[in-house]
């Protein structure tokens, strides 16, 4: 896939998808088999890790773990939020980045945001997915 906005929109759509079979198919289409998503943990977690002289790492590796991650997020957030891309996605060689928003379903107002940075494989599928929640 060469269009950055199209890839970003397909990615965001998976987090809103209620059908587990469609989520499963989308995971396999979007991410390469050994892909990894790394989440920038919340500040409280980083502070605890600092007191332990450890690095907090939240990651999901491979299709099964990524599918579980998407399903868990859907269960936690779908009743309250709809996710969407915010602004234009940008791609430079094998790197793609875009911002997203969490929109409150009851009011339509933004209530959260973040940024994704992808490293893509030669087929244009995500091999590394860095998620920064703001």
Protein backbone atom coordinates (compact mmCIF):
# COMPACT_ATOMS: atom_id res chain seq x y z
CA UNK A 1 0.00 0.00 0.00
CA UNK A 2 1.53 3.30 -1.06
CA UNK A 3 -1.05 5.89 0.03
CA UNK A 4 -0.17 6.96 3.61
CA UNK A 5 -3.68 8.23 4.43
CA UNK A 6 -5.27 5.01 3.19
CA UNK A 7 -2.98 2.87 5.34
CA UNK A 8 -3.56 5.11 8.37
CA UNK A 9 -7.34 5.01 7.86
CA UNK A 10 -7.35 1.21 7.52
CA UNK A 11 -5.25 0.98 10.67
CA UNK A 12 -7.52 3.26 12.69
CA UNK A 13 -10.60 1.39 11.43
CA UNK A 14 -9.41 -1.86 13.01
CA UNK A 15 -9.71 -0.31 16.50
CA UNK A 16 -13.36 0.58 15.76
CA UNK A 17 -14.25 -2.78 14.16
CA UNK A 18 -16.83 -4.73 16.22
CA UNK A 19 -16.59 -7.99 14.23
CA UNK A 20 -13.82 -10.33 15.53
CA UNK A 21 -13.44 -12.07 12.16
CA UNK A 22 -12.93 -8.77 10.36
CA UNK A 23 -10.42 -7.68 13.02
CA UNK A 24 -8.57 -10.97 12.55
CA UNK A 25 -8.39 -10.48 8.78
CA UNK A 26 -7.31 -6.86 9.17
CA UNK A 27 -4.48 -7.79 11.56
CA UNK A 28 -3.09 -10.20 8.98
CA UNK A 29 -3.47 -7.64 6.18
CA UNK A 30 -1.96 -4.67 8.03
CA UNK A 31 0.89 -6.19 10.03
CA UNK A 32 3.65 -8.54 8.87
CA UNK A 33 3.76 -11.93 10.61
CA UNK A 34 6.49 -10.97 13.09
CA UNK A 35 5.35 -7.38 13.60
CA UNK A 36 5.68 -5.64 16.95
CA UNK A 37 3.62 -2.86 18.50
CA UNK A 38 5.40 -0.89 21.21
CA UNK A 39 3.28 1.37 23.41
CA UNK A 40 4.70 4.37 25.20
CA UNK A 41 3.38 3.53 28.69
CA UNK A 42 1.49 6.00 30.86
CA UNK A 43 3.53 8.40 32.97
CA UNK A 44 2.66 6.57 36.21
CA UNK A 45 4.15 3.35 34.83
CA UNK A 46 7.31 5.13 33.68
CA UNK A 47 7.71 6.66 37.16
CA UNK A 48 7.41 3.27 38.87
CA UNK A 49 9.89 1.77 36.42
CA UNK A 50 12.31 4.62 37.20
CA UNK A 51 12.15 3.83 40.92
CA UNK A 52 13.06 0.23 40.11
CA UNK A 53 15.82 1.26 37.69
CA UNK A 54 13.96 -0.62 34.96
CA UNK A 55 12.62 0.22 31.54
CA UNK A 56 8.86 -0.12 31.09
CA UNK A 57 8.10 -1.82 27.81
CA UNK A 58 4.59 -2.59 26.62
CA UNK A 59 4.71 -4.63 23.45
CA UNK A 60 2.66 -7.07 21.41
CA UNK A 61 4.57 -9.34 19.03
CA UNK A 62 3.09 -11.35 16.15
CA UNK A 63 -0.40 -11.69 14.74
CA UNK A 64 -1.94 -13.55 17.71
CA UNK A 65 -0.70 -10.99 20.25
CA UNK A 66 -1.67 -8.07 18.02
CA UNK A 67 -5.13 -9.50 17.52
CA UNK A 68 -5.51 -9.91 21.29
CA UNK A 69 -4.30 -6.32 21.77
CA UNK A 70 -6.85 -4.95 19.29
CA UNK A 71 -9.66 -7.04 20.82
CA UNK A 72 -8.77 -5.89 24.33
CA UNK A 73 -8.67 -2.23 23.31
CA UNK A 74 -11.99 -2.62 21.50
CA UNK A 75 -13.59 -4.14 24.62
CA UNK A 76 -12.19 -1.38 26.83
CA UNK A 77 -12.84 1.66 24.68
CA UNK A 78 -15.46 1.04 21.97
CA UNK A 79 -18.50 1.95 24.07
CA UNK A 80 -17.02 5.35 24.92
CA UNK A 81 -14.77 6.25 21.97
CA UNK A 82 -14.46 6.18 18.23
CA UNK A 83 -10.95 6.51 16.85
CA UNK A 84 -10.02 8.49 13.74
CA UNK A 85 -6.98 9.82 11.93
CA UNK A 86 -6.23 13.47 12.62
CA UNK A 87 -4.60 15.42 9.80
CA UNK A 88 -2.51 13.98 7.02
CA UNK A 89 -0.34 10.89 7.29
CA UNK A 90 3.22 11.22 6.00
CA UNK A 91 5.54 8.62 4.52
CA UNK A 92 9.27 8.75 3.84
CA UNK A 93 10.66 5.53 2.38
CA UNK A 94 9.71 2.79 4.87
CA UNK A 95 8.56 5.14 7.66
CA UNK A 96 4.95 6.29 8.02
CA UNK A 97 3.58 8.55 10.74
CA UNK A 98 0.20 9.99 11.59
CA UNK A 99 -1.79 11.43 14.48
CA UNK A 100 -5.08 10.02 15.76
CA UNK A 101 -7.88 11.16 18.04
CA UNK A 102 -10.23 9.42 20.46
CA UNK A 103 -13.67 10.97 19.95
CA UNK A 104 -16.33 10.72 22.68
CA UNK A 105 -19.32 8.91 21.20
CA UNK A 106 -21.87 10.82 23.30
CA UNK A 107 -20.66 14.33 22.43
CA UNK A 108 -18.45 13.97 19.34
CA UNK A 109 -15.69 15.88 21.13
CA UNK A 110 -12.02 14.83 21.13
CA UNK A 111 -10.91 13.36 24.47
CA UNK A 112 -7.51 11.88 23.68
CA UNK A 113 -4.87 11.78 21.00
CA UNK A 114 -1.62 10.24 20.01
CA UNK A 115 0.82 9.47 17.24
CA UNK A 116 1.85 6.32 15.45
CA UNK A 117 5.19 5.76 13.78
CA UNK A 118 5.38 2.69 11.53
CA UNK A 119 8.34 0.97 9.98
CA UNK A 120 7.00 -0.84 6.93
CA UNK A 121 8.24 -4.03 5.31
CA UNK A 122 8.92 -4.20 1.54
CA UNK A 123 5.27 -5.20 0.96
CA UNK A 124 4.02 -2.05 2.73
CA UNK A 125 2.82 -3.95 5.81
CA UNK A 126 3.66 -2.75 9.32
CA UNK A 127 6.67 -4.47 10.89
CA UNK A 128 7.20 -2.02 13.78
CA UNK A 129 4.36 0.03 15.25
CA UNK A 130 5.32 2.67 17.81
CA UNK A 131 2.33 4.12 19.64
CA UNK A 132 2.62 7.37 21.57
CA UNK A 133 -0.45 8.26 23.65
CA UNK A 134 -0.65 11.95 24.52
